[in-house]
PDB file of N, CA and C in Angstrom:
ATOM      1  N   UNK A   1      31.984 -63.507 -13.660  1.00  0.00           N
ATOM      2  CA  UNK A   1      30.706 -63.370 -12.980  1.00  0.00           C
ATOM      3  C   UNK A   1      29.885 -62.308 -13.704  1.00  0.00           C
ATOM      4  N   UNK A   2      28.678 -62.650 -14.148  1.00  0.00           N
ATOM      5  CA  UNK A   2      27.861 -61.654 -14.839  1.00  0.00           C
ATOM      6  C   UNK A   2      27.405 -60.555 -13.874  1.00  0.00           C
ATOM      7  N   UNK A   3      27.320 -59.361 -14.393  1.00  0.00           N
ATOM      8  CA  UNK A   3      26.863 -58.233 -13.594  1.00  0.00           C
ATOM      9  C   UNK A   3      25.393 -57.987 -13.896  1.00  0.00           C
ATOM     10  N   UNK A   4      24.668 -57.647 -12.869  1.00  0.00           N
ATOM     11  CA  UNK A   4      23.254 -57.356 -13.044  1.00  0.00           C
ATOM     12  C   UNK A   4      23.096 -56.007 -13.730  1.00  0.00           C
ATOM     13  N   UNK A   5      22.282 -55.987 -14.759  1.00  0.00           N
ATOM     14  CA  UNK A   5      22.031 -54.738 -15.485  1.00  0.00           C
ATOM     15  C   UNK A   5      21.122 -53.847 -14.647  1.00  0.00           C
ATOM     16  N   UNK A   6      21.303 -52.540 -14.766  1.00  0.00           N
ATOM     17  CA  UNK A   6      20.443 -51.635 -13.999  1.00  0.00           C
ATOM     18  C   UNK A   6      19.027 -51.632 -14.565  1.00  0.00           C
ATOM     19  N   UNK A   7      18.052 -51.331 -13.725  1.00  0.00           N
ATOM     20  CA  UNK A   7      16.697 -51.149 -14.260  1.00  0.00           C
ATOM     21  C   UNK A   7      16.676 -49.892 -15.128  1.00  0.00           C
ATOM     22  N   UNK A   8      15.737 -49.813 -16.030  1.00  0.00           N
ATOM     23  CA  UNK A   8      15.623 -48.642 -16.906  1.00  0.00           C
ATOM     24  C   UNK A   8      15.289 -47.386 -16.105  1.00  0.00           C
ATOM     25  N   UNK A   9      14.512 -47.557 -15.023  1.00  0.00           N
ATOM     26  CA  UNK A   9      14.105 -46.415 -14.195  1.00  0.00           C
ATOM     27  C   UNK A   9      14.114 -46.801 -12.725  1.00  0.00           C
ATOM     28  N   UNK A  10      14.381 -45.808 -11.890  1.00  0.00           N
ATOM     29  CA  UNK A  10      14.208 -45.910 -10.439  1.00  0.00           C
ATOM     30  C   UNK A  10      13.562 -44.595 -10.024  1.00  0.00           C
ATOM     31  N   UNK A  11      12.567 -44.653  -9.161  1.00  0.00           N
ATOM     32  CA  UNK A  11      11.861 -43.449  -8.714  1.00  0.00           C
ATOM     33  C   UNK A  11      11.241 -42.689  -9.890  1.00  0.00           C
ATOM     34  N   UNK A  12      10.939 -43.403 -10.993  1.00  0.00           N
ATOM     35  CA  UNK A  12      10.366 -42.754 -12.159  1.00  0.00           C
ATOM     36  C   UNK A  12      11.374 -41.966 -12.982  1.00  0.00           C
ATOM     37  N   UNK A  13      12.656 -42.123 -12.666  1.00  0.00           N
ATOM     38  CA  UNK A  13      13.713 -41.420 -13.385  1.00  0.00           C
ATOM     39  C   UNK A  13      14.595 -42.428 -14.101  1.00  0.00           C
ATOM     40  N   UNK A  14      15.174 -42.041 -15.247  1.00  0.00           N
ATOM     41  CA  UNK A  14      16.096 -42.960 -15.914  1.00  0.00           C
ATOM     42  C   UNK A  14      17.311 -43.214 -15.031  1.00  0.00           C
ATOM     43  N   UNK A  15      17.958 -44.344 -15.245  1.00  0.00           N
ATOM     44  CA  UNK A  15      19.168 -44.637 -14.479  1.00  0.00           C
ATOM     45  C   UNK A  15      20.399 -44.314 -15.316  1.00  0.00           C
ATOM     46  N   UNK A  16      21.487 -44.048 -14.627  1.00  0.00           N
ATOM     47  CA  UNK A  16      22.780 -43.840 -15.256  1.00  0.00           C
ATOM     48  C   UNK A  16      23.788 -44.661 -14.452  1.00  0.00           C
ATOM     49  N   UNK A  17      24.661 -45.378 -15.160  1.00  0.00           N
ATOM     50  CA  UNK A  17      25.677 -46.174 -14.471  1.00  0.00           C
ATOM     51  C   UNK A  17      26.915 -45.317 -14.223  1.00  0.00           C
ATOM     52  N   UNK A  18      27.767 -45.787 -13.332  1.00  0.00           N
ATOM     53  CA  UNK A  18      29.006 -45.074 -13.050  1.00  0.00           C
ATOM     54  C   UNK A  18      29.849 -44.936 -14.312  1.00  0.00           C
ATOM     55  N   UNK A  19      29.837 -45.960 -15.156  1.00  0.00           N
ATOM     56  CA  UNK A  19      30.598 -45.911 -16.409  1.00  0.00           C
ATOM     57  C   UNK A  19      30.086 -44.842 -17.369  1.00  0.00           C
ATOM     58  N   UNK A  20      28.834 -44.440 -17.223  1.00  0.00           N
ATOM     59  CA  UNK A  20      28.242 -43.446 -18.117  1.00  0.00           C
ATOM     60  C   UNK A  20      28.437 -42.013 -17.628  1.00  0.00           C
ATOM     61  N   UNK A  21      28.856 -41.857 -16.392  1.00  0.00           N
ATOM     62  CA  UNK A  21      29.058 -40.517 -15.835  1.00  0.00           C
ATOM     63  C   UNK A  21      30.380 -39.936 -16.319  1.00  0.00           C
ATOM     64  N   UNK A  22      30.462 -38.610 -16.408  1.00  0.00           N
ATOM     65  CA  UNK A  22      31.744 -37.999 -16.758  1.00  0.00           C
ATOM     66  C   UNK A  22      32.749 -38.216 -15.616  1.00  0.00           C
ATOM     67  N   UNK A  23      34.039 -38.213 -15.920  1.00  0.00           N
ATOM     68  CA  UNK A  23      35.048 -38.459 -14.876  1.00  0.00           C
ATOM     69  C   UNK A  23      34.963 -37.476 -13.714  1.00  0.00           C
ATOM     70  N   UNK A  24      34.549 -36.248 -13.989  1.00  0.00           N
ATOM     71  CA  UNK A  24      34.429 -35.257 -12.919  1.00  0.00           C
ATOM     72  C   UNK A  24      33.326 -35.629 -11.928  1.00  0.00           C
ATOM     73  N   UNK A  25      32.283 -36.302 -12.406  1.00  0.00           N
ATOM     74  CA  UNK A  25      31.219 -36.763 -11.511  1.00  0.00           C
ATOM     75  C   UNK A  25      31.741 -37.868 -10.601  1.00  0.00           C
ATOM     76  N   UNK A  26      32.575 -38.744 -11.142  1.00  0.00           N
ATOM     77  CA  UNK A  26      33.172 -39.802 -10.321  1.00  0.00           C
ATOM     78  C   UNK A  26      34.071 -39.195  -9.246  1.00  0.00           C
ATOM     79  N   UNK A  27      34.797 -38.145  -9.601  1.00  0.00           N
ATOM     80  CA  UNK A  27      35.625 -37.447  -8.612  1.00  0.00           C
ATOM     81  C   UNK A  27      34.760 -36.858  -7.501  1.00  0.00           C
ATOM     82  N   UNK A  28      33.634 -36.273  -7.887  1.00  0.00           N
ATOM     83  CA  UNK A  28      32.735 -35.675  -6.885  1.00  0.00           C
ATOM     84  C   UNK A  28      32.120 -36.754  -5.994  1.00  0.00           C
ATOM     85  N   UNK A  29      31.757 -37.896  -6.577  1.00  0.00           N
ATOM     86  CA  UNK A  29      31.224 -38.998  -5.769  1.00  0.00           C
ATOM     87  C   UNK A  29      32.249 -39.457  -4.744  1.00  0.00           C
ATOM     88  N   UNK A  30      33.513 -39.478  -5.128  1.00  0.00           N
ATOM     89  CA  UNK A  30      34.574 -39.848  -4.196  1.00  0.00           C
ATOM     90  C   UNK A  30      34.677 -38.825  -3.062  1.00  0.00           C
ATOM     91  N   UNK A  31      34.557 -37.546  -3.398  1.00  0.00           N
ATOM     92  CA  UNK A  31      34.578 -36.500  -2.365  1.00  0.00           C
ATOM     93  C   UNK A  31      33.379 -36.621  -1.432  1.00  0.00           C
ATOM     94  N   UNK A  32      32.217 -36.926  -1.993  1.00  0.00           N
ATOM     95  CA  UNK A  32      31.018 -37.088  -1.161  1.00  0.00           C
ATOM     96  C   UNK A  32      31.222 -38.242  -0.191  1.00  0.00           C
ATOM     97  N   UNK A  33      31.767 -39.332  -0.692  1.00  0.00           N
ATOM     98  CA  UNK A  33      31.991 -40.508   0.147  1.00  0.00           C
ATOM     99  C   UNK A  33      32.959 -40.208   1.292  1.00  0.00           C
ATOM    100  N   UNK A  34      33.961 -39.383   1.014  1.00  0.00           N
ATOM    101  CA  UNK A  34      34.959 -39.071   2.047  1.00  0.00           C
ATOM    102  C   UNK A  34      34.636 -37.785   2.798  1.00  0.00           C
ATOM    103  N   UNK A  35      33.476 -37.188   2.527  1.00  0.00           N
ATOM    104  CA  UNK A  35      33.007 -35.965   3.179  1.00  0.00           C
ATOM    105  C   UNK A  35      33.932 -34.778   2.918  1.00  0.00           C
ATOM    106  N   UNK A  36      34.414 -34.670   1.663  1.00  0.00           N
ATOM    107  CA  UNK A  36      35.178 -33.508   1.244  1.00  0.00           C
ATOM    108  C   UNK A  36      36.674 -33.698   1.362  1.00  0.00           C
ATOM    109  N   UNK A  37      37.397 -32.623   1.201  1.00  0.00           N
ATOM    110  CA  UNK A  37      36.966 -31.232   1.027  1.00  0.00           C
ATOM    111  C   UNK A  37      36.413 -30.988  -0.378  1.00  0.00           C
ATOM    112  N   UNK A  38      35.432 -30.094  -0.436  1.00  0.00           N
ATOM    113  CA  UNK A  38      34.740 -29.805  -1.680  1.00  0.00           C
ATOM    114  C   UNK A  38      35.281 -28.526  -2.315  1.00  0.00           C
ATOM    115  N   UNK A  39      35.239 -28.441  -3.639  1.00  0.00           N
ATOM    116  CA  UNK A  39      35.808 -27.277  -4.313  1.00  0.00           C
ATOM    117  C   UNK A  39      34.982 -25.998  -4.206  1.00  0.00           C
ATOM    118  N   UNK A  40      33.711 -26.109  -3.891  1.00  0.00           N
ATOM    119  CA  UNK A  40      32.848 -24.928  -3.817  1.00  0.00           C
ATOM    120  C   UNK A  40      32.164 -24.867  -2.462  1.00  0.00           C
ATOM    121  N   UNK A  41      32.016 -23.661  -1.923  1.00  0.00           N
ATOM    122  CA  UNK A  41      31.423 -23.499  -0.589  1.00  0.00           C
ATOM    123  C   UNK A  41      29.965 -23.953  -0.542  1.00  0.00           C
ATOM    124  N   UNK A  42      29.262 -23.934  -1.678  1.00  0.00           N
ATOM    125  CA  UNK A  42      27.855 -24.360  -1.700  1.00  0.00           C
ATOM    126  C   UNK A  42      27.698 -25.877  -1.717  1.00  0.00           C
ATOM    127  N   UNK A  43      28.796 -26.614  -1.961  1.00  0.00           N
ATOM    128  CA  UNK A  43      28.700 -28.073  -1.986  1.00  0.00           C
ATOM    129  C   UNK A  43      28.294 -28.587  -0.609  1.00  0.00           C
ATOM    130  N   UNK A  44      27.304 -29.469  -0.605  1.00  0.00           N
ATOM    131  CA  UNK A  44      26.763 -29.997   0.642  1.00  0.00           C
ATOM    132  C   UNK A  44      25.599 -29.201   1.188  1.00  0.00           C
ATOM    133  N   UNK A  45      25.222 -28.124   0.480  1.00  0.00           N
ATOM    134  CA  UNK A  45      24.089 -27.319   0.943  1.00  0.00           C
ATOM    135  C   UNK A  45      22.775 -28.022   0.595  1.00  0.00           C
ATOM    136  N   UNK A  46      21.724 -27.599   1.251  1.00  0.00           N
ATOM    137  CA  UNK A  46      20.411 -28.203   1.049  1.00  0.00           C
ATOM    138  C   UNK A  46      19.916 -27.951  -0.363  1.00  0.00           C
ATOM    139  N   UNK A  47      19.453 -29.017  -1.003  1.00  0.00           N
ATOM    140  CA  UNK A  47      18.791 -28.920  -2.298  1.00  0.00           C
ATOM    141  C   UNK A  47      17.298 -28.940  -2.030  1.00  0.00           C
ATOM    142  N   UNK A  48      16.596 -27.917  -2.473  1.00  0.00           N
ATOM    143  CA  UNK A  48      15.177 -27.735  -2.133  1.00  0.00           C
ATOM    144  C   UNK A  48      14.216 -28.590  -2.952  1.00  0.00           C
ATOM    145  N   UNK A  49      14.651 -29.125  -4.087  1.00  0.00           N
ATOM    146  CA  UNK A  49      13.768 -29.903  -4.964  1.00  0.00           C
ATOM    147  C   UNK A  49      12.561 -29.078  -5.423  1.00  0.00           C
ATOM    148  N   UNK A  50      12.795 -27.808  -5.690  1.00  0.00           N
ATOM    149  CA  UNK A  50      11.711 -26.919  -6.137  1.00  0.00           C
ATOM    150  C   UNK A  50      11.077 -27.393  -7.442  1.00  0.00           C
ATOM    151  N   UNK A  51      11.884 -28.039  -8.280  1.00  0.00           N
ATOM    152  CA  UNK A  51      11.391 -28.536  -9.558  1.00  0.00           C
ATOM    153  C   UNK A  51      10.490 -29.754  -9.374  1.00  0.00           C
ATOM    154  N   UNK A  52      10.549 -30.367  -8.207  1.00  0.00           N
ATOM    155  CA  UNK A  52       9.770 -31.547  -7.829  1.00  0.00           C
ATOM    156  C   UNK A  52       9.979 -32.709  -8.792  1.00  0.00           C
ATOM    157  N   UNK A  53      11.215 -32.843  -9.287  1.00  0.00           N
ATOM    158  CA  UNK A  53      11.539 -33.968 -10.162  1.00  0.00           C
ATOM    159  C   UNK A  53      12.038 -35.168  -9.367  1.00  0.00           C
ATOM    160  N   UNK A  54      12.582 -34.921  -8.192  1.00  0.00           N
ATOM    161  CA  UNK A  54      13.016 -36.003  -7.309  1.00  0.00           C
ATOM    162  C   UNK A  54      11.846 -36.400  -6.409  1.00  0.00           C
ATOM    163  N   UNK A  55      11.906 -37.599  -5.823  1.00  0.00           N
ATOM    164  CA  UNK A  55      10.826 -37.990  -4.909  1.00  0.00           C
ATOM    165  C   UNK A  55      10.641 -36.947  -3.805  1.00  0.00           C
ATOM    166  N   UNK A  56       9.410 -36.700  -3.454  1.00  0.00           N
ATOM    167  CA  UNK A  56       9.107 -35.697  -2.430  1.00  0.00           C
ATOM    168  C   UNK A  56       9.543 -36.207  -1.057  1.00  0.00           C
ATOM    169  N   UNK A  57      10.329 -35.394  -0.401  1.00  0.00           N
ATOM    170  CA  UNK A  57      10.844 -35.703   0.930  1.00  0.00           C
ATOM    171  C   UNK A  57      10.772 -34.444   1.769  1.00  0.00           C
ATOM    172  N   UNK A  58      11.021 -34.593   3.058  1.00  0.00           N
ATOM    173  CA  UNK A  58      11.000 -33.446   3.968  1.00  0.00           C
ATOM    174  C   UNK A  58      12.108 -32.468   3.605  1.00  0.00           C
ATOM    175  N   UNK A  59      11.897 -31.211   3.928  1.00  0.00           N
ATOM    176  CA  UNK A  59      12.902 -30.184   3.687  1.00  0.00           C
ATOM    177  C   UNK A  59      14.210 -30.577   4.355  1.00  0.00           C
ATOM    178  N   UNK A  60      15.315 -30.385   3.646  1.00  0.00           N
ATOM    179  CA  UNK A  60      16.623 -30.727   4.175  1.00  0.00           C
ATOM    180  C   UNK A  60      17.073 -32.140   3.869  1.00  0.00           C
ATOM    181  N   UNK A  61      16.227 -32.935   3.216  1.00  0.00           N
ATOM    182  CA  UNK A  61      16.537 -34.333   2.925  1.00  0.00           C
ATOM    183  C   UNK A  61      17.662 -34.450   1.894  1.00  0.00           C
ATOM    184  N   UNK A  62      17.672 -33.557   0.898  1.00  0.00           N
ATOM    185  CA  UNK A  62      18.635 -33.640  -0.196  1.00  0.00           C
ATOM    186  C   UNK A  62      19.756 -32.619  -0.033  1.00  0.00           C
ATOM    187  N   UNK A  63      20.963 -33.009  -0.484  1.00  0.00           N
ATOM    188  CA  UNK A  63      22.135 -32.125  -0.523  1.00  0.00           C
ATOM    189  C   UNK A  63      22.658 -32.083  -1.963  1.00  0.00           C
ATOM    190  N   UNK A  64      23.186 -30.938  -2.364  1.00  0.00           N
ATOM    191  CA  UNK A  64      23.692 -30.802  -3.728  1.00  0.00           C
ATOM    192  C   UNK A  64      25.198 -30.591  -3.740  1.00  0.00           C
ATOM    193  N   UNK A  65      25.821 -31.091  -4.805  1.00  0.00           N
ATOM    194  CA  UNK A  65      27.267 -31.023  -4.974  1.00  0.00           C
ATOM    195  C   UNK A  65      27.580 -30.681  -6.426  1.00  0.00           C
ATOM    196  N   UNK A  66      28.576 -29.834  -6.632  1.00  0.00           N
ATOM    197  CA  UNK A  66      28.969 -29.388  -7.957  1.00  0.00           C
ATOM    198  C   UNK A  66      29.840 -30.430  -8.640  1.00  0.00           C
ATOM    199  N   UNK A  67      29.518 -30.727  -9.878  1.00  0.00           N
ATOM    200  CA  UNK A  67      30.390 -31.534 -10.731  1.00  0.00           C
ATOM    201  C   UNK A  67      31.091 -30.541 -11.652  1.00  0.00           C
ATOM    202  N   UNK A  68      32.390 -30.423 -11.490  1.00  0.00           N
ATOM    203  CA  UNK A  68      33.162 -29.451 -12.267  1.00  0.00           C
ATOM    204  C   UNK A  68      32.996 -29.725 -13.760  1.00  0.00           C
ATOM    205  N   UNK A  69      32.790 -28.640 -14.505  1.00  0.00           N
ATOM    206  CA  UNK A  69      32.694 -28.712 -15.956  1.00  0.00           C
ATOM    207  C   UNK A  69      33.938 -28.051 -16.532  1.00  0.00           C
ATOM    208  N   UNK A  70      34.807 -28.824 -17.194  1.00  0.00           N
ATOM    209  CA  UNK A  70      36.011 -28.227 -17.774  1.00  0.00           C
ATOM    210  C   UNK A  70      35.664 -27.056 -18.698  1.00  0.00           C
ATOM    211  N   UNK A  71      36.410 -25.965 -18.554  1.00  0.00           N
ATOM    212  CA  UNK A  71      36.196 -24.797 -19.387  1.00  0.00           C
ATOM    213  C   UNK A  71      35.194 -23.803 -18.836  1.00  0.00           C
ATOM    214  N   UNK A  72      34.428 -24.188 -17.803  1.00  0.00           N
ATOM    215  CA  UNK A  72      33.454 -23.272 -17.191  1.00  0.00           C
ATOM    216  C   UNK A  72      34.174 -22.373 -16.189  1.00  0.00           C
ATOM    217  N   UNK A  73      33.813 -21.108 -16.171  1.00  0.00           N
ATOM    218  CA  UNK A  73      34.411 -20.176 -15.225  1.00  0.00           C
ATOM    219  C   UNK A  73      33.699 -20.130 -13.888  1.00  0.00           C
ATOM    220  N   UNK A  74      32.529 -20.797 -13.807  1.00  0.00           N
ATOM    221  CA  UNK A  74      31.781 -20.822 -12.548  1.00  0.00           C
ATOM    222  C   UNK A  74      31.402 -22.268 -12.241  1.00  0.00           C
ATOM    223  N   UNK A  75      30.379 -22.481 -11.452  1.00  0.00           N
ATOM    224  CA  UNK A  75      29.988 -23.834 -11.053  1.00  0.00           C
ATOM    225  C   UNK A  75      29.402 -24.649 -12.202  1.00  0.00           C
ATOM    226  N   UNK A  76      28.980 -24.031 -13.266  1.00  0.00           N
ATOM    227  CA  UNK A  76      28.410 -24.776 -14.380  1.00  0.00           C
ATOM    228  C   UNK A  76      27.059 -25.361 -14.034  1.00  0.00           C
ATOM    229  N   UNK A  77      26.594 -26.295 -14.858  1.00  0.00           N
ATOM    230  CA  UNK A  77      25.237 -26.832 -14.741  1.00  0.00           C
ATOM    231  C   UNK A  77      25.181 -28.235 -14.153  1.00  0.00           C
ATOM    232  N   UNK A  78      26.314 -28.890 -13.984  1.00  0.00           N
ATOM    233  CA  UNK A  78      26.302 -30.295 -13.577  1.00  0.00           C
ATOM    234  C   UNK A  78      26.334 -30.422 -12.053  1.00  0.00           C
ATOM    235  N   UNK A  79      25.471 -31.308 -11.537  1.00  0.00           N
ATOM    236  CA  UNK A  79      25.390 -31.526 -10.093  1.00  0.00           C
ATOM    237  C   UNK A  79      25.127 -32.998  -9.789  1.00  0.00           C
ATOM    238  N   UNK A  80      25.548 -33.395  -8.594  1.00  0.00           N
ATOM    239  CA  UNK A  80      25.100 -34.627  -7.968  1.00  0.00           C
ATOM    240  C   UNK A  80      24.238 -34.188  -6.798  1.00  0.00           C
ATOM    241  N   UNK A  81      23.083 -34.795  -6.650  1.00  0.00           N
ATOM    242  CA  UNK A  81      22.205 -34.536  -5.512  1.00  0.00           C
ATOM    243  C   UNK A  81      22.068 -35.845  -4.757  1.00  0.00           C
ATOM    244  N   UNK A  82      22.307 -35.787  -3.448  1.00  0.00           N
ATOM    245  CA  UNK A  82      22.231 -36.979  -2.618  1.00  0.00           C
ATOM    246  C   UNK A  82      21.131 -36.875  -1.588  1.00  0.00           C
ATOM    247  N   UNK A  83      20.476 -38.012  -1.338  1.00  0.00           N
ATOM    248  CA  UNK A  83      19.442 -38.084  -0.314  1.00  0.00           C
ATOM    249  C   UNK A  83      19.987 -38.682   0.975  1.00  0.00           C
ATOM    250  N   UNK A  84      19.280 -38.468   2.052  1.00  0.00           N
ATOM    251  CA  UNK A  84      19.706 -38.953   3.369  1.00  0.00           C
ATOM    252  C   UNK A  84      19.872 -40.466   3.431  1.00  0.00           C
ATOM    253  N   UNK A  85      19.159 -41.203   2.582  1.00  0.00           N
ATOM    254  CA  UNK A  85      19.248 -42.668   2.613  1.00  0.00           C
ATOM    255  C   UNK A  85      20.322 -43.199   1.669  1.00  0.00           C
ATOM    256  N   UNK A  86      21.144 -42.299   1.095  1.00  0.00           N
ATOM    257  CA  UNK A  86      22.247 -42.712   0.256  1.00  0.00           C
ATOM    258  C   UNK A  86      21.973 -42.724  -1.231  1.00  0.00           C
ATOM    259  N   UNK A  87      20.742 -42.436  -1.645  1.00  0.00           N
ATOM    260  CA  UNK A  87      20.437 -42.405  -3.065  1.00  0.00           C
ATOM    261  C   UNK A  87      21.100 -41.174  -3.697  1.00  0.00           C
ATOM    262  N   UNK A  88      21.541 -41.336  -4.938  1.00  0.00           N
ATOM    263  CA  UNK A  88      22.252 -40.272  -5.636  1.00  0.00           C
ATOM    264  C   UNK A  88      21.638 -40.034  -7.005  1.00  0.00           C
ATOM    265  N   UNK A  89      21.596 -38.777  -7.395  1.00  0.00           N
ATOM    266  CA  UNK A  89      21.023 -38.367  -8.671  1.00  0.00           C
ATOM    267  C   UNK A  89      22.019 -37.462  -9.387  1.00  0.00           C
ATOM    268  N   UNK A  90      21.992 -37.490 -10.720  1.00  0.00           N
ATOM    269  CA  UNK A  90      22.881 -36.660 -11.525  1.00  0.00           C
ATOM    270  C   UNK A  90      22.057 -35.801 -12.473  1.00  0.00           C
ATOM    271  N   UNK A  91      22.470 -34.545 -12.603  1.00  0.00           N
ATOM    272  CA  UNK A  91      21.883 -33.647 -13.595  1.00  0.00           C
ATOM    273  C   UNK A  91      23.014 -32.944 -14.316  1.00  0.00           C
ATOM    274  N   UNK A  92      22.880 -32.806 -15.626  1.00  0.00           N
ATOM    275  CA  UNK A  92      23.880 -32.048 -16.380  1.00  0.00           C
ATOM    276  C   UNK A  92      23.265 -30.803 -17.007  1.00  0.00           C
ATOM    277  N   UNK A  93      22.018 -30.501 -16.607  1.00  0.00           N
ATOM    278  CA  UNK A  93      21.318 -29.353 -17.177  1.00  0.00           C
ATOM    279  C   UNK A  93      20.694 -28.466 -16.086  1.00  0.00           C
ATOM    280  N   UNK A  94      21.400 -28.355 -14.976  1.00  0.00           N
ATOM    281  CA  UNK A  94      21.007 -27.483 -13.857  1.00  0.00           C
ATOM    282  C   UNK A  94      19.561 -27.706 -13.415  1.00  0.00           C
ATOM    283  N   UNK A  95      19.271 -28.960 -13.095  1.00  0.00           N
ATOM    284  CA  UNK A  95      17.998 -29.380 -12.486  1.00  0.00           C
ATOM    285  C   UNK A  95      16.814 -29.465 -13.444  1.00  0.00           C
ATOM    286  N   UNK A  96      17.029 -29.338 -14.750  1.00  0.00           N
ATOM    287  CA  UNK A  96      15.913 -29.509 -15.689  1.00  0.00           C
ATOM    288  C   UNK A  96      15.538 -30.984 -15.818  1.00  0.00           C
ATOM    289  N   UNK A  97      16.501 -31.877 -15.564  1.00  0.00           N
ATOM    290  CA  UNK A  97      16.243 -33.312 -15.591  1.00  0.00           C
ATOM    291  C   UNK A  97      17.236 -34.002 -14.663  1.00  0.00           C
ATOM    292  N   UNK A  98      16.881 -35.198 -14.237  1.00  0.00           N
ATOM    293  CA  UNK A  98      17.742 -35.985 -13.349  1.00  0.00           C
ATOM    294  C   UNK A  98      17.764 -37.429 -13.812  1.00  0.00           C
ATOM    295  N   UNK A  99      18.849 -38.105 -13.479  1.00  0.00           N
ATOM    296  CA  UNK A  99      18.950 -39.561 -13.627  1.00  0.00           C
ATOM    297  C   UNK A  99      19.395 -40.107 -12.276  1.00  0.00           C
ATOM    298  N   UNK A 100      18.850 -41.257 -11.926  1.00  0.00           N
ATOM    299  CA  UNK A 100      19.260 -41.914 -10.686  1.00  0.00           C
ATOM    300  C   UNK A 100      20.558 -42.665 -10.959  1.00  0.00           C
ATOM    301  N   UNK A 101      21.563 -42.412 -10.131  1.00  0.00           N
ATOM    302  CA  UNK A 101      22.843 -43.097 -10.297  1.00  0.00           C
ATOM    303  C   UNK A 101      22.695 -44.522  -9.789  1.00  0.00           C
ATOM    304  N   UNK A 102      22.966 -45.477 -10.670  1.00  0.00           N
ATOM    305  CA  UNK A 102      22.832 -46.899 -10.341  1.00  0.00           C
ATOM    306  C   UNK A 102      24.035 -47.335  -9.517  1.00  0.00           C
ATOM    307  N   UNK A 103      23.747 -47.820  -8.320  1.00  0.00           N
ATOM    308  CA  UNK A 103      24.761 -48.331  -7.416  1.00  0.00           C
ATOM    309  C   UNK A 103      24.418 -49.775  -7.074  1.00  0.00           C
ATOM    310  N   UNK A 104      24.951 -50.725  -7.860  1.00  0.00           N
ATOM    311  CA  UNK A 104      24.563 -52.128  -7.633  1.00  0.00           C
ATOM    312  C   UNK A 104      24.995 -52.648  -6.270  1.00  0.00           C
TER     313      UNK A 104
END
């Protein structure tokens, strides 16, 4: 059965497939789906979208989660940000850019 290819962009952001994400991001997505437990106390906290790169939503709409970076002594720069409607975004540069995670 052929699989539908992702669109190049969603919400004006490039898309990234699950196969393109690092394995640690897939682990974090699994934790998000099962509601934890999360490795960092800040996981699940409100993401403010101060950079205004994600679609504008009401305060509290987005939550952020740490994607562990091997070799980093702290939380590193990689995150998954989730919206209340189930949309997910990935950043590997601490919010300088985002890609919408394609969930067919």
